[in-house]
Amino acid sequence: MRHIDLDYVSKAIVGIASPVLGVITSFQEQIEWHLRVASLCVGLAVGIMSLVSMFNKLRRR
């Protein structure tokens, strides 16, 4: 059975996480903008689907 060196694993995790965190921080404004646009599109799609559903219910009566 192999012995896992926790110091080595923790250094590897920190070594991987640091650049990823740097990239996320530098692109934070663009990521936020894309998330806002995506949530707006989802909201519009839900609104349109609700409107179509209500229109179909009224037409059936």
Protein backbone atom coordinates (compact mmCIF):
# COMPACT_ATOMS: atom_id res chain seq x y z
CA MET A 1 0.00 0.00 0.00
CA ARG A 2 1.34 3.42 -0.94
CA HIS A 3 1.71 6.17 1.61
CA ILE A 4 0.11 9.46 0.50
CA ASP A 5 2.27 12.46 1.28
CA LEU A 6 -0.21 15.11 2.45
CA ASP A 7 2.37 17.89 2.13
CA TYR A 8 2.91 17.01 -1.53
CA VAL A 9 -0.83 16.83 -2.20
CA SER A 10 -1.53 20.15 -0.48
CA LYS A 11 1.25 21.87 -2.46
CA ALA A 12 -0.17 20.42 -5.67
CA ILE A 13 -3.67 21.68 -4.87
CA VAL A 14 -2.39 25.15 -4.02
CA GLY A 15 -0.23 25.14 -7.14
CA ILE A 16 -3.22 24.34 -9.33
CA ALA A 17 -5.70 26.61 -7.53
CA SER A 18 -3.54 29.74 -7.53
CA PRO A 19 -3.40 30.32 -11.31
CA VAL A 20 -7.06 29.37 -11.69
CA LEU A 21 -7.99 31.93 -9.03
CA GLY A 22 -5.85 34.53 -10.79
CA VAL A 23 -7.60 33.92 -14.11
CA ILE A 24 -11.04 34.06 -12.49
CA THR A 25 -10.14 37.31 -10.72
CA SER A 26 -8.83 38.94 -13.88
CA PHE A 27 -11.90 37.95 -15.90
CA GLN A 28 -14.39 38.68 -13.11
CA GLU A 29 -16.06 41.60 -14.88
CA GLN A 30 -16.52 39.66 -18.14
CA ILE A 31 -17.81 36.59 -16.28
CA GLU A 32 -20.30 38.74 -14.36
CA TRP A 33 -21.50 40.35 -17.60
CA HIS A 34 -22.02 36.95 -19.24
CA LEU A 35 -23.90 35.65 -16.20
CA ARG A 36 -26.19 38.70 -16.24
CA VAL A 37 -26.94 38.30 -19.95
CA ALA A 38 -27.54 34.56 -19.51
CA SER A 39 -29.95 35.13 -16.61
CA LEU A 40 -31.78 37.78 -18.65
CA CYS A 41 -32.17 35.35 -21.57
CA VAL A 42 -33.47 32.62 -19.25
CA GLY A 43 -35.93 35.06 -17.70
CA LEU A 44 -37.17 36.15 -21.12
CA ALA A 45 -37.58 32.53 -22.24
CA VAL A 46 -39.60 31.68 -19.11
CA GLY A 47 -41.76 34.76 -19.61
CA ILE A 48 -42.44 33.88 -23.25
CA MET A 49 -43.28 30.28 -22.36
CA SER A 50 -45.68 31.47 -19.64
CA LEU A 51 -47.32 33.89 -22.07
CA VAL A 52 -47.79 31.15 -24.69
CA SER A 53 -49.21 28.80 -22.05
CA MET A 54 -51.70 31.42 -20.85
CA PHE A 55 -52.70 32.22 -24.45
CA ASN A 56 -53.31 28.51 -25.18
CA LYS A 57 -55.46 28.14 -22.04
CA LEU A 58 -57.58 31.15 -23.04
CA ARG A 59 -57.98 29.81 -26.57
CA ARG A 60 -59.26 26.44 -25.34
CA ARG A 61 -62.16 28.01 -23.45
